[in-house]
Amino acid sequence: MSTFTRRGAMALMGATAATPFIARTARAQTPINVGALRFTSHAPSFIAAERGYFADAGLDVNFEFFQAAQPMAIAIASGDADYGVTAVTGGLISLAQKGAAKVIGGGLSEEPGIDGQKILASNDAYEAGLTDPSKLDGKTYGITQAGSSFHYMGSKIAQAEGAEVSFKPLQKVPAVIGAIKTGQIDAWSIVPHIAKPLANAGAVKIIGDVSDYLPNYQVTTVFTSADNAANKREQTAAFLEAFSRGAADFNAALVDNTADEAERDAIIELIAGYVYPDRSVEEARPSIVNGAMRINANAALNRASVQDQLDWFKSEGLVGGDVAYDTLVDESYVDVIS
């Protein structure tokens, strides 16, 4: 197995119910670093940390926060983070091809009947006629980086509409937000806890739903280093079980609404502390509630969606054309949604 430094990982990227888990605990209080974004979709990890689920599994968790998906993949490959939850990206696939990373489970998913990711237009573009995705032809579409999930979504939406769009990489989500608010880009797609507050504040217009173009989209995956997946199976299974307990609490409180009011309030307060540390709980509440999408039970993985994403990255020349699904994914830890 190759050893990757952060610099080495960046170079590789530049080149492009009952739980199913095997073990319930790692060795006592194993320290691990978990990569995260300050998104509501990362709530299962925050819940697992605050409610002691990681500790129950023998894991002492430290969070490393990022502002985009691809830098998190670099951190996993270089050993600066042990586990992460983020979108499939060209960088992640390239690292998997080099034996540095592995998808081990599923996270956030688009699901019929649950409000999901939104397609946005800048106010200027909307006033100029971009009132629905069929009018995207000739427009600029904001993304963080080439090969990001934003690139995948935008391309699939444009392809479905027969539109030619120009993608504008802006590196970080806050930069994309600033660009669409000021009309520097015409369109973007993003999770509802960001999209809805922007629209409600009059900063953008919502013109469509991602799920209309990518039903059952596996938006995020759980991933780790290939070494952890192959050689630290007890620790990896322990992480997934604790994460899944957090996901179950999240879904009950905010997606299925089967939890009582006190539990719902407790979950909202917990998430607010991580995702909106500069806001009061009441200020953060609408964004958290509006941003609640399904987190797959027991980290189950949607194989068909991940395969579609891999096929798109290959077709665009963003990763090697010979990358196999099994190179990217280790299905041995979780149930698979085919």
C-alpha atoms as a PDB file:
ATOM      1  CA  MET A   1       0.000   0.000   0.000  1.00  0.00           C
ATOM      2  CA  SER A   2       1.370   3.410  -0.955  1.00  0.00           C
ATOM      3  CA  THR A   3       1.792   6.178   1.619  1.00  0.00           C
ATOM      4  CA  PHE A   4       0.539   9.628   0.583  1.00  0.00           C
ATOM      5  CA  THR A   5       1.560  13.007   1.942  1.00  0.00           C
ATOM      6  CA  ARG A   6      -0.763  16.006   1.501  1.00  0.00           C
ATOM      7  CA  ARG A   7       1.470  17.247  -1.319  1.00  0.00           C
ATOM      8  CA  GLY A   8       1.443  13.830  -2.926  1.00  0.00           C
ATOM      9  CA  ALA A   9      -2.317  13.617  -2.727  1.00  0.00           C
ATOM     10  CA  MET A  10      -2.693  17.023  -4.349  1.00  0.00           C
ATOM     11  CA  ALA A  11      -0.396  15.931  -7.151  1.00  0.00           C
ATOM     12  CA  LEU A  12      -2.536  12.862  -7.773  1.00  0.00           C
ATOM     13  CA  MET A  13      -5.686  14.966  -7.907  1.00  0.00           C
ATOM     14  CA  GLY A  14      -4.051  17.387 -10.259  1.00  0.00           C
ATOM     15  CA  ALA A  15      -3.519  14.459 -12.590  1.00  0.00           C
ATOM     16  CA  THR A  16      -7.163  14.492 -12.847  1.00  0.00           C
ATOM     17  CA  ALA A  17     -33.209  -1.422  12.543  1.00  0.00           C
ATOM     18  CA  ALA A  18     -30.369  -4.096  12.771  1.00  0.00           C
ATOM     19  CA  THR A  19     -27.023  -2.782  11.759  1.00  0.00           C
ATOM     20  CA  PRO A  20     -25.004  -4.520   9.057  1.00  0.00           C
ATOM     21  CA  PHE A  21     -21.630  -3.642  10.490  1.00  0.00           C
ATOM     22  CA  ILE A  22     -18.972  -6.206  11.236  1.00  0.00           C
ATOM     23  CA  ALA A  23     -17.871  -4.845  14.604  1.00  0.00           C
ATOM     24  CA  ARG A  24     -19.453  -2.605  17.207  1.00  0.00           C
ATOM     25  CA  THR A  25     -16.368  -1.155  18.887  1.00  0.00           C
ATOM     26  CA  ALA A  26     -12.850  -0.226  18.014  1.00  0.00           C
ATOM     27  CA  ARG A  27     -10.139  -0.477  20.642  1.00  0.00           C
ATOM     28  CA  ALA A  28     -10.782   1.777  23.629  1.00  0.00           C
ATOM     29  CA  GLN A  29     -10.936   5.452  22.677  1.00  0.00           C
ATOM     30  CA  THR A  30      -9.060   5.320  19.402  1.00  0.00           C
ATOM     31  CA  PRO A  31      -8.363   8.932  18.323  1.00  0.00           C
ATOM     32  CA  ILE A  32      -9.616   9.764  14.833  1.00  0.00           C
ATOM     33  CA  ASN A  33     -10.019  12.943  12.760  1.00  0.00           C
ATOM     34  CA  VAL A  34     -13.311  13.349  10.917  1.00  0.00           C
ATOM     35  CA  GLY A  35     -13.594  15.703   7.956  1.00  0.00           C
ATOM     36  CA  ALA A  36     -16.766  17.803   7.800  1.00  0.00           C
ATOM     37  CA  LEU A  37     -18.407  20.794   6.196  1.00  0.00           C
ATOM     38  CA  ARG A  38     -20.592  23.143   8.223  1.00  0.00           C
ATOM     39  CA  PHE A  39     -23.672  21.823   6.438  1.00  0.00           C
ATOM     40  CA  THR A  40     -26.851  20.378   7.945  1.00  0.00           C
ATOM     41  CA  SER A  41     -26.156  17.270   5.853  1.00  0.00           C
ATOM     42  CA  HIS A  42     -23.153  16.534   8.085  1.00  0.00           C
ATOM     43  CA  ALA A  43     -25.334  16.476  11.194  1.00  0.00           C
ATOM     44  CA  PRO A  44     -25.083  12.696  11.846  1.00  0.00           C
ATOM     45  CA  SER A  45     -21.402  13.059  12.740  1.00  0.00           C
ATOM     46  CA  PHE A  46     -22.113  16.042  15.004  1.00  0.00           C
ATOM     47  CA  ILE A  47     -24.954  14.184  16.728  1.00  0.00           C
ATOM     48  CA  ALA A  48     -22.809  11.078  17.179  1.00  0.00           C
ATOM     49  CA  ALA A  49     -20.071  13.162  18.780  1.00  0.00           C
ATOM     50  CA  GLU A  50     -22.306  15.142  21.128  1.00  0.00           C
ATOM     51  CA  ARG A  51     -24.432  12.175  22.217  1.00  0.00           C
ATOM     52  CA  GLY A  52     -21.498   9.908  22.899  1.00  0.00           C
ATOM     53  CA  TYR A  53     -22.137   7.462  20.070  1.00  0.00           C
ATOM     54  CA  PHE A  54     -18.545   7.702  18.893  1.00  0.00           C
ATOM     55  CA  ALA A  55     -17.340   7.256  22.462  1.00  0.00           C
ATOM     56  CA  ASP A  56     -19.601   4.222  22.832  1.00  0.00           C
ATOM     57  CA  ALA A  57     -17.872   2.798  19.759  1.00  0.00           C
ATOM     58  CA  GLY A  58     -14.448   3.395  21.286  1.00  0.00           C
ATOM     59  CA  LEU A  59     -13.635   6.441  19.158  1.00  0.00           C
ATOM     60  CA  ASP A  60     -12.295   9.811  20.317  1.00  0.00           C
ATOM     61  CA  VAL A  61     -13.312  12.175  17.488  1.00  0.00           C
ATOM     62  CA  ASN A  62     -11.776  15.470  16.465  1.00  0.00           C
ATOM     63  CA  PHE A  63     -13.433  17.409  13.620  1.00  0.00           C
ATOM     64  CA  GLU A  64     -11.464  18.969  10.779  1.00  0.00           C
ATOM     65  CA  PHE A  65     -13.619  21.493   8.913  1.00  0.00           C
ATOM     66  CA  PHE A  66     -13.380  22.220   5.182  1.00  0.00           C
ATOM     67  CA  GLN A  67     -15.106  24.594   2.759  1.00  0.00           C
ATOM     68  CA  ALA A  68     -15.269  22.251  -0.250  1.00  0.00           C
ATOM     69  CA  ALA A  69     -15.344  18.531  -0.987  1.00  0.00           C
ATOM     70  CA  GLN A  70     -12.095  18.034  -2.860  1.00  0.00           C
ATOM     71  CA  PRO A  71      -9.762  19.374  -0.134  1.00  0.00           C
ATOM     72  CA  MET A  72     -11.371  16.878   2.230  1.00  0.00           C
ATOM     73  CA  ALA A  73     -10.431  14.057  -0.125  1.00  0.00           C
ATOM     74  CA  ILE A  74      -6.844  15.309  -0.076  1.00  0.00           C
ATOM     75  CA  ALA A  75      -6.869  15.258   3.714  1.00  0.00           C
ATOM     76  CA  ILE A  76      -8.136  11.675   3.799  1.00  0.00           C
ATOM     77  CA  ALA A  77      -5.450  10.542   1.377  1.00  0.00           C
ATOM     78  CA  SER A  78      -2.668  12.351   3.226  1.00  0.00           C
ATOM     79  CA  GLY A  79      -3.752  11.050   6.629  1.00  0.00           C
ATOM     80  CA  ASP A  80      -4.803  14.437   8.022  1.00  0.00           C
ATOM     81  CA  ALA A  81      -8.340  13.059   8.334  1.00  0.00           C
ATOM     82  CA  ASP A  82      -9.491   9.473   8.818  1.00  0.00           C
ATOM     83  CA  TYR A  83     -13.129   9.587   7.698  1.00  0.00           C
ATOM     84  CA  GLY A  84     -15.251  12.063   5.819  1.00  0.00           C
ATOM     85  CA  VAL A  85     -18.732  12.583   4.448  1.00  0.00           C
ATOM     86  CA  THR A  86     -18.884  14.427   1.178  1.00  0.00           C
ATOM     87  CA  ALA A  87     -19.833  14.253  -2.470  1.00  0.00           C
ATOM     88  CA  VAL A  88     -18.230  12.067  -5.092  1.00  0.00           C
ATOM     89  CA  THR A  89     -15.710  14.269  -6.918  1.00  0.00           C
ATOM     90  CA  GLY A  90     -13.138  13.838  -9.624  1.00  0.00           C
ATOM     91  CA  GLY A  91     -10.444  14.247  -7.009  1.00  0.00           C
ATOM     92  CA  LEU A  92     -11.873  11.495  -4.831  1.00  0.00           C
ATOM     93  CA  ILE A  93     -12.103   9.138  -7.802  1.00  0.00           C
ATOM     94  CA  SER A  94      -8.532   9.912  -8.850  1.00  0.00           C
ATOM     95  CA  LEU A  95      -7.295   9.199  -5.334  1.00  0.00           C
ATOM     96  CA  ALA A  96      -9.222   5.931  -5.279  1.00  0.00           C
ATOM     97  CA  GLN A  97      -7.614   4.991  -8.581  1.00  0.00           C
ATOM     98  CA  LYS A  98      -4.204   5.533  -6.972  1.00  0.00           C
ATOM     99  CA  GLY A  99      -5.112   3.353  -3.998  1.00  0.00           C
ATOM    100  CA  ALA A 100      -5.484   6.228  -1.537  1.00  0.00           C
ATOM    101  CA  ALA A 101      -9.238   6.487  -0.844  1.00  0.00           C
ATOM    102  CA  LYS A 102     -12.369   4.363  -0.724  1.00  0.00           C
ATOM    103  CA  VAL A 103     -16.107   5.052  -0.511  1.00  0.00           C
ATOM    104  CA  ILE A 104     -17.565   2.854   2.246  1.00  0.00           C
ATOM    105  CA  GLY A 105     -21.160   4.042   2.636  1.00  0.00           C
ATOM    106  CA  GLY A 106     -23.912   6.453   1.677  1.00  0.00           C
ATOM    107  CA  GLY A 107     -24.997   9.712   3.289  1.00  0.00           C
ATOM    108  CA  LEU A 108     -27.381  12.370   2.000  1.00  0.00           C
ATOM    109  CA  SER A 109     -29.855  11.339  -0.713  1.00  0.00           C
ATOM    110  CA  GLU A 110     -32.518  12.900  -2.862  1.00  0.00           C
ATOM    111  CA  GLU A 111     -35.793  11.137  -2.105  1.00  0.00           C
ATOM    112  CA  PRO A 112     -39.244  11.560  -3.670  1.00  0.00           C
ATOM    113  CA  GLY A 113     -41.541  13.523  -1.391  1.00  0.00           C
ATOM    114  CA  ILE A 114     -38.727  15.194   0.544  1.00  0.00           C
ATOM    115  CA  ASP A 115     -37.704  18.709  -0.423  1.00  0.00           C
ATOM    116  CA  GLY A 116     -34.152  18.542  -1.754  1.00  0.00           C
ATOM    117  CA  GLN A 117     -31.472  20.523  -3.524  1.00  0.00           C
ATOM    118  CA  LYS A 118     -32.521  23.595  -5.460  1.00  0.00           C
ATOM    119  CA  ILE A 119     -31.505  25.144  -8.757  1.00  0.00           C
ATOM    120  CA  LEU A 120     -30.951  28.871  -8.314  1.00  0.00           C
ATOM    121  CA  ALA A 121     -30.795  31.871 -10.623  1.00  0.00           C
ATOM    122  CA  SER A 122     -29.275  35.218  -9.803  1.00  0.00           C
ATOM    123  CA  ASN A 123     -31.773  38.042  -9.629  1.00  0.00           C
ATOM    124  CA  ASP A 124     -30.243  39.666 -12.711  1.00  0.00           C
ATOM    125  CA  ALA A 125     -30.416  36.422 -14.701  1.00  0.00           C
ATOM    126  CA  TYR A 126     -33.990  35.829 -13.573  1.00  0.00           C
ATOM    127  CA  GLU A 127     -35.044  39.298 -14.674  1.00  0.00           C
ATOM    128  CA  ALA A 128     -33.319  38.611 -18.012  1.00  0.00           C
ATOM    129  CA  GLY A 129     -35.439  35.487 -18.537  1.00  0.00           C
ATOM    130  CA  LEU A 130     -33.814  32.621 -16.609  1.00  0.00           C
ATOM    131  CA  THR A 131     -37.063  31.618 -14.932  1.00  0.00           C
ATOM    132  CA  ASP A 132     -36.636  27.841 -15.241  1.00  0.00           C
ATOM    133  CA  PRO A 133     -33.825  25.416 -16.146  1.00  0.00           C
ATOM    134  CA  SER A 134     -34.984  25.108 -19.762  1.00  0.00           C
ATOM    135  CA  LYS A 135     -33.588  28.610 -20.270  1.00  0.00           C
ATOM    136  CA  LEU A 136     -30.034  27.831 -19.133  1.00  0.00           C
ATOM    137  CA  ASP A 137     -28.516  27.911 -22.617  1.00  0.00           C
ATOM    138  CA  GLY A 138     -25.661  30.409 -22.821  1.00  0.00           C
ATOM    139  CA  LYS A 139     -25.617  31.052 -19.077  1.00  0.00           C
ATOM    140  CA  THR A 140     -22.805  30.819 -16.529  1.00  0.00           C
ATOM    141  CA  TYR A 141     -23.091  28.139 -13.828  1.00  0.00           C
ATOM    142  CA  GLY A 142     -21.236  28.427 -10.544  1.00  0.00           C
ATOM    143  CA  ILE A 143     -19.166  25.517  -9.216  1.00  0.00           C
ATOM    144  CA  THR A 144     -16.469  25.188  -6.597  1.00  0.00           C
ATOM    145  CA  GLN A 145     -14.016  23.274  -8.780  1.00  0.00           C
ATOM    146  CA  ALA A 146     -13.968  21.333 -12.030  1.00  0.00           C
ATOM    147  CA  GLY A 147     -14.885  17.778 -11.128  1.00  0.00           C
ATOM    148  CA  SER A 148     -16.971  18.794  -8.122  1.00  0.00           C
ATOM    149  CA  SER A 149     -20.509  17.605  -7.406  1.00  0.00           C
ATOM    150  CA  PHE A 150     -21.721  21.057  -8.482  1.00  0.00           C
ATOM    151  CA  HIS A 151     -20.082  20.425 -11.856  1.00  0.00           C
ATOM    152  CA  TYR A 152     -21.811  17.034 -12.112  1.00  0.00           C
ATOM    153  CA  MET A 153     -25.233  18.426 -11.204  1.00  0.00           C
ATOM    154  CA  GLY A 154     -24.965  21.432 -13.476  1.00  0.00           C
ATOM    155  CA  SER A 155     -23.797  19.329 -16.413  1.00  0.00           C
ATOM    156  CA  LYS A 156     -26.575  16.749 -15.999  1.00  0.00           C
ATOM    157  CA  ILE A 157     -29.222  19.473 -15.709  1.00  0.00           C
ATOM    158  CA  ALA A 158     -27.887  21.321 -18.752  1.00  0.00           C
ATOM    159  CA  GLN A 159     -27.648  18.085 -20.743  1.00  0.00           C
ATOM    160  CA  ALA A 160     -31.256  17.215 -19.948  1.00  0.00           C
ATOM    161  CA  GLU A 161     -32.349  20.638 -21.159  1.00  0.00           C
ATOM    162  CA  GLY A 162     -30.143  20.600 -24.267  1.00  0.00           C
ATOM    163  CA  ALA A 163     -28.358  23.688 -22.962  1.00  0.00           C
ATOM    164  CA  GLU A 164     -24.767  24.828 -23.300  1.00  0.00           C
ATOM    165  CA  VAL A 165     -23.539  26.447 -20.112  1.00  0.00           C
ATOM    166  CA  SER A 166     -20.212  27.925 -19.054  1.00  0.00           C
ATOM    167  CA  PHE A 167     -18.947  26.632 -15.709  1.00  0.00           C
ATOM    168  CA  LYS A 168     -17.177  29.133 -13.459  1.00  0.00           C
ATOM    169  CA  PRO A 169     -14.971  27.570 -10.734  1.00  0.00           C
ATOM    170  CA  LEU A 170     -14.899  29.692  -7.576  1.00  0.00           C
ATOM    171  CA  GLN A 171     -13.156  27.246  -5.208  1.00  0.00           C
ATOM    172  CA  LYS A 172     -15.329  27.649  -2.096  1.00  0.00           C
ATOM    173  CA  VAL A 173     -19.050  27.638  -1.367  1.00  0.00           C
ATOM    174  CA  PRO A 174     -19.014  31.139   0.231  1.00  0.00           C
ATOM    175  CA  ALA A 175     -17.450  32.492  -2.962  1.00  0.00           C
ATOM    176  CA  VAL A 176     -20.204  30.912  -5.076  1.00  0.00           C
ATOM    177  CA  ILE A 177     -22.825  32.422  -2.778  1.00  0.00           C
ATOM    178  CA  GLY A 178     -21.256  35.849  -3.173  1.00  0.00           C
ATOM    179  CA  ALA A 179     -21.058  35.469  -6.943  1.00  0.00           C
ATOM    180  CA  ILE A 180     -24.703  34.530  -7.449  1.00  0.00           C
ATOM    181  CA  LYS A 181     -25.889  37.269  -5.082  1.00  0.00           C
ATOM    182  CA  THR A 182     -23.984  39.875  -7.100  1.00  0.00           C
ATOM    183  CA  GLY A 183     -24.831  38.497 -10.526  1.00  0.00           C
ATOM    184  CA  GLN A 184     -21.293  37.350 -11.373  1.00  0.00           C
ATOM    185  CA  ILE A 185     -22.795  33.948 -12.226  1.00  0.00           C
ATOM    186  CA  ASP A 186     -26.254  33.178 -13.532  1.00  0.00           C
ATOM    187  CA  ALA A 187     -27.076  29.836 -11.896  1.00  0.00           C
ATOM    188  CA  TRP A 188     -26.102  27.329  -9.222  1.00  0.00           C
ATOM    189  CA  SER A 189     -27.489  24.237  -7.453  1.00  0.00           C
ATOM    190  CA  ILE A 190     -27.168  23.713  -3.704  1.00  0.00           C
ATOM    191  CA  VAL A 191     -28.681  22.036  -0.646  1.00  0.00           C
ATOM    192  CA  PRO A 192     -31.916  23.561   0.682  1.00  0.00           C
ATOM    193  CA  HIS A 193     -30.512  24.895   3.961  1.00  0.00           C
ATOM    194  CA  ILE A 194     -28.471  27.327   1.860  1.00  0.00           C
ATOM    195  CA  ALA A 195     -30.846  27.795  -1.078  1.00  0.00           C
ATOM    196  CA  LYS A 196     -34.020  28.618   0.813  1.00  0.00           C
ATOM    197  CA  PRO A 197     -32.630  31.338   3.126  1.00  0.00           C
ATOM    198  CA  LEU A 198     -31.000  33.026   0.120  1.00  0.00           C
ATOM    199  CA  ALA A 199     -34.293  32.953  -1.758  1.00  0.00           C
ATOM    200  CA  ASN A 200     -36.314  34.059   1.268  1.00  0.00           C
ATOM    201  CA  ALA A 201     -33.964  37.008   1.701  1.00  0.00           C
ATOM    202  CA  GLY A 202     -34.548  38.026  -1.916  1.00  0.00           C
ATOM    203  CA  ALA A 203     -30.912  37.401  -2.864  1.00  0.00           C
ATOM    204  CA  VAL A 204     -31.662  34.738  -5.519  1.00  0.00           C
ATOM    205  CA  LYS A 205     -34.564  32.982  -7.189  1.00  0.00           C
ATOM    206  CA  ILE A 206     -35.326  29.248  -6.982  1.00  0.00           C
ATOM    207  CA  ILE A 207     -36.061  28.000 -10.507  1.00  0.00           C
ATOM    208  CA  GLY A 208     -36.095  24.223 -10.131  1.00  0.00           C
ATOM    209  CA  ASP A 209     -35.336  21.058  -8.187  1.00  0.00           C
ATOM    210  CA  VAL A 210     -32.286  18.870  -8.701  1.00  0.00           C
ATOM    211  CA  SER A 211     -34.400  15.775  -8.045  1.00  0.00           C
ATOM    212  CA  ASP A 212     -36.323  16.412 -11.268  1.00  0.00           C
ATOM    213  CA  TYR A 213     -33.088  15.667 -13.112  1.00  0.00           C
ATOM    214  CA  LEU A 214     -31.319  13.315 -10.703  1.00  0.00           C
ATOM    215  CA  PRO A 215     -33.966  11.304  -8.798  1.00  0.00           C
ATOM    216  CA  ASN A 216     -32.555   9.252  -5.910  1.00  0.00           C
ATOM    217  CA  TYR A 217     -29.200  11.001  -6.321  1.00  0.00           C
ATOM    218  CA  GLN A 218     -26.621   9.822  -3.761  1.00  0.00           C
ATOM    219  CA  VAL A 219     -25.550  13.336  -2.860  1.00  0.00           C
ATOM    220  CA  THR A 220     -22.879  12.442  -0.331  1.00  0.00           C
ATOM    221  CA  THR A 221     -20.929   9.336   0.566  1.00  0.00           C
ATOM    222  CA  VAL A 222     -18.955   8.193   3.584  1.00  0.00           C
ATOM    223  CA  PHE A 223     -15.333   7.630   2.658  1.00  0.00           C
ATOM    224  CA  THR A 224     -11.963   6.844   4.174  1.00  0.00           C
ATOM    225  CA  SER A 225      -8.448   5.895   3.141  1.00  0.00           C
ATOM    226  CA  ALA A 226      -8.023   2.615   1.300  1.00  0.00           C
ATOM    227  CA  ASP A 227      -5.746   1.546   4.152  1.00  0.00           C
ATOM    228  CA  ASN A 228      -8.461   2.114   6.760  1.00  0.00           C
ATOM    229  CA  ALA A 229     -11.030   0.278   4.642  1.00  0.00           C
ATOM    230  CA  ALA A 230      -8.774  -2.725   4.121  1.00  0.00           C
ATOM    231  CA  ASN A 231      -6.755  -2.901   7.330  1.00  0.00           C
ATOM    232  CA  LYS A 232      -8.719  -1.120  10.076  1.00  0.00           C
ATOM    233  CA  ARG A 233     -12.015  -2.869   9.620  1.00  0.00           C
ATOM    234  CA  GLU A 234     -13.017  -2.874  13.288  1.00  0.00           C
ATOM    235  CA  GLN A 235     -12.398   0.856  13.597  1.00  0.00           C
ATOM    236  CA  THR A 236     -14.152   1.585  10.294  1.00  0.00           C
ATOM    237  CA  ALA A 237     -17.205  -0.491  11.227  1.00  0.00           C
ATOM    238  CA  ALA A 238     -17.318   1.289  14.596  1.00  0.00           C
ATOM    239  CA  PHE A 239     -17.280   4.670  12.864  1.00  0.00           C
ATOM    240  CA  LEU A 240     -20.104   3.674  10.526  1.00  0.00           C
ATOM    241  CA  GLU A 241     -22.261   2.342  13.342  1.00  0.00           C
ATOM    242  CA  ALA A 242     -21.873   5.507  15.426  1.00  0.00           C
ATOM    243  CA  PHE A 243     -22.506   7.674  12.358  1.00  0.00           C
ATOM    244  CA  SER A 244     -25.638   5.649  11.604  1.00  0.00           C
ATOM    245  CA  ARG A 245     -26.977   6.185  15.129  1.00  0.00           C
ATOM    246  CA  GLY A 246     -26.592   9.919  14.563  1.00  0.00           C
ATOM    247  CA  ALA A 247     -28.349   9.629  11.205  1.00  0.00           C
ATOM    248  CA  ALA A 248     -31.248   7.761  12.797  1.00  0.00           C
ATOM    249  CA  ASP A 249     -31.728  10.565  15.333  1.00  0.00           C
ATOM    250  CA  PHE A 250     -31.542  13.168  12.563  1.00  0.00           C
ATOM    251  CA  ASN A 251     -34.086  11.417  10.344  1.00  0.00           C
ATOM    252  CA  ALA A 252     -36.513  10.840  13.214  1.00  0.00           C
ATOM    253  CA  ALA A 253     -36.392  14.482  14.319  1.00  0.00           C
ATOM    254  CA  LEU A 254     -36.278  16.350  11.013  1.00  0.00           C
ATOM    255  CA  VAL A 255     -37.177  14.067   8.090  1.00  0.00           C
ATOM    256  CA  ASP A 256     -39.714  11.488   9.295  1.00  0.00           C
ATOM    257  CA  ASN A 257     -40.929  13.719  12.162  1.00  0.00           C
ATOM    258  CA  THR A 258     -41.443  10.736  14.467  1.00  0.00           C
ATOM    259  CA  ALA A 259     -39.558  12.297  17.395  1.00  0.00           C
ATOM    260  CA  ASP A 260     -41.339  14.388  20.006  1.00  0.00           C
ATOM    261  CA  GLU A 261     -41.005  18.168  20.185  1.00  0.00           C
ATOM    262  CA  ALA A 262     -38.365  18.110  22.920  1.00  0.00           C
ATOM    263  CA  GLU A 263     -36.175  15.751  20.889  1.00  0.00           C
ATOM    264  CA  ARG A 264     -36.648  17.831  17.750  1.00  0.00           C
ATOM    265  CA  ASP A 265     -35.618  20.979  19.629  1.00  0.00           C
ATOM    266  CA  ALA A 266     -32.579  19.217  21.080  1.00  0.00           C
ATOM    267  CA  ILE A 267     -31.420  18.064  17.636  1.00  0.00           C
ATOM    268  CA  ILE A 268     -31.888  21.543  16.168  1.00  0.00           C
ATOM    269  CA  GLU A 269     -29.897  23.124  19.004  1.00  0.00           C
ATOM    270  CA  LEU A 270     -27.108  20.572  18.616  1.00  0.00           C
ATOM    271  CA  ILE A 271     -26.831  21.105  14.853  1.00  0.00           C
ATOM    272  CA  ALA A 272     -26.957  24.891  15.215  1.00  0.00           C
ATOM    273  CA  GLY A 273     -23.840  24.826  17.376  1.00  0.00           C
ATOM    274  CA  TYR A 274     -21.839  23.272  14.548  1.00  0.00           C
ATOM    275  CA  VAL A 275     -23.425  24.605  11.362  1.00  0.00           C
ATOM    276  CA  TYR A 276     -24.340  28.122  12.509  1.00  0.00           C
ATOM    277  CA  PRO A 277     -22.008  28.906  15.432  1.00  0.00           C
ATOM    278  CA  ASP A 278     -22.486  32.669  14.977  1.00  0.00           C
ATOM    279  CA  ARG A 279     -26.291  32.571  15.137  1.00  0.00           C
ATOM    280  CA  SER A 280     -28.749  32.010  17.944  1.00  0.00           C
ATOM    281  CA  VAL A 281     -30.651  28.731  17.869  1.00  0.00           C
ATOM    282  CA  GLU A 282     -33.856  30.501  16.887  1.00  0.00           C
ATOM    283  CA  GLU A 283     -32.101  32.306  14.039  1.00  0.00           C
ATOM    284  CA  ALA A 284     -30.636  29.024  12.826  1.00  0.00           C
ATOM    285  CA  ARG A 285     -33.814  26.956  13.208  1.00  0.00           C
ATOM    286  CA  PRO A 286     -35.492  27.764   9.853  1.00  0.00           C
ATOM    287  CA  SER A 287     -32.365  26.940   7.865  1.00  0.00           C
ATOM    288  CA  ILE A 288     -31.870  23.642   9.692  1.00  0.00           C
ATOM    289  CA  VAL A 289     -35.500  22.575   9.306  1.00  0.00           C
ATOM    290  CA  ASN A 290     -35.564  23.638   5.646  1.00  0.00           C
ATOM    291  CA  GLY A 291     -32.315  21.801   4.985  1.00  0.00           C
ATOM    292  CA  ALA A 292     -33.359  18.403   6.278  1.00  0.00           C
ATOM    293  CA  MET A 293     -32.933  15.733   3.610  1.00  0.00           C
ATOM    294  CA  ARG A 294     -32.786  11.968   4.070  1.00  0.00           C
ATOM    295  CA  ILE A 295     -29.568  10.458   5.415  1.00  0.00           C
ATOM    296  CA  ASN A 296     -29.514   6.820   4.349  1.00  0.00           C
ATOM    297  CA  ALA A 297     -30.297   4.416   7.195  1.00  0.00           C
ATOM    298  CA  ASN A 298     -27.236   2.428   8.276  1.00  0.00           C
ATOM    299  CA  ALA A 299     -25.194   4.358   5.679  1.00  0.00           C
ATOM    300  CA  ALA A 300     -26.685   2.267   2.864  1.00  0.00           C
ATOM    301  CA  LEU A 301     -25.217   3.151  -0.533  1.00  0.00           C
ATOM    302  CA  ASN A 302     -27.083   3.766  -3.793  1.00  0.00           C
ATOM    303  CA  ARG A 303     -24.958   1.798  -6.254  1.00  0.00           C
ATOM    304  CA  ALA A 304     -26.798   2.982  -9.381  1.00  0.00           C
ATOM    305  CA  SER A 305     -26.341   6.640  -8.484  1.00  0.00           C
ATOM    306  CA  VAL A 306     -22.648   6.286  -7.665  1.00  0.00           C
ATOM    307  CA  GLN A 307     -22.123   4.347 -10.912  1.00  0.00           C
ATOM    308  CA  ASP A 308     -23.858   7.126 -12.863  1.00  0.00           C
ATOM    309  CA  GLN A 309     -21.588   9.694 -11.263  1.00  0.00           C
ATOM    310  CA  LEU A 310     -18.495   7.643 -12.038  1.00  0.00           C
ATOM    311  CA  ASP A 311     -19.629   7.199 -15.641  1.00  0.00           C
ATOM    312  CA  TRP A 312     -20.113  10.957 -16.021  1.00  0.00           C
ATOM    313  CA  PHE A 313     -16.658  11.787 -14.656  1.00  0.00           C
ATOM    314  CA  LYS A 314     -15.149   9.302 -17.088  1.00  0.00           C
ATOM    315  CA  SER A 315     -17.167  10.594 -20.045  1.00  0.00           C
ATOM    316  CA  GLU A 316     -15.991  14.138 -19.330  1.00  0.00           C
ATOM    317  CA  GLY A 317     -12.351  13.071 -19.203  1.00  0.00           C
ATOM    318  CA  LEU A 318     -12.078  14.231 -15.595  1.00  0.00           C
ATOM    319  CA  VAL A 319     -10.811  10.819 -14.429  1.00  0.00           C
ATOM    320  CA  GLY A 320      -9.230   7.856 -16.160  1.00  0.00           C
ATOM    321  CA  GLY A 321     -11.548   5.970 -18.453  1.00  0.00           C
ATOM    322  CA  ASP A 322     -10.534   2.637 -16.956  1.00  0.00           C
ATOM    323  CA  VAL A 323     -11.574   3.366 -13.351  1.00  0.00           C
ATOM    324  CA  ALA A 324     -13.843   0.553 -12.176  1.00  0.00           C
ATOM    325  CA  TYR A 325     -16.667   0.887  -9.656  1.00  0.00           C
ATOM    326  CA  ASP A 326     -14.907  -1.504  -7.279  1.00  0.00           C
ATOM    327  CA  THR A 327     -11.824   0.700  -7.390  1.00  0.00           C
ATOM    328  CA  LEU A 328     -13.870   3.541  -5.926  1.00  0.00           C
ATOM    329  CA  VAL A 329     -16.228   1.629  -3.621  1.00  0.00           C
ATOM    330  CA  ASP A 330     -15.876  -1.026  -0.932  1.00  0.00           C
ATOM    331  CA  GLU A 331     -19.396  -2.431  -0.497  1.00  0.00           C
ATOM    332  CA  SER A 332     -18.449  -4.823   2.299  1.00  0.00           C
ATOM    333  CA  TYR A 333     -19.483  -2.528   5.161  1.00  0.00           C
ATOM    334  CA  VAL A 334     -23.058  -1.485   4.343  1.00  0.00           C
ATOM    335  CA  ASP A 335     -26.221  -2.528   2.570  1.00  0.00           C
ATOM    336  CA  VAL A 336     -26.465  -1.549  -1.087  1.00  0.00           C
ATOM    337  CA  ILE A 337     -29.455   0.114  -2.724  1.00  0.00           C
ATOM    338  CA  SER A 338     -29.242  -1.131  -6.299  1.00  0.00           C
END
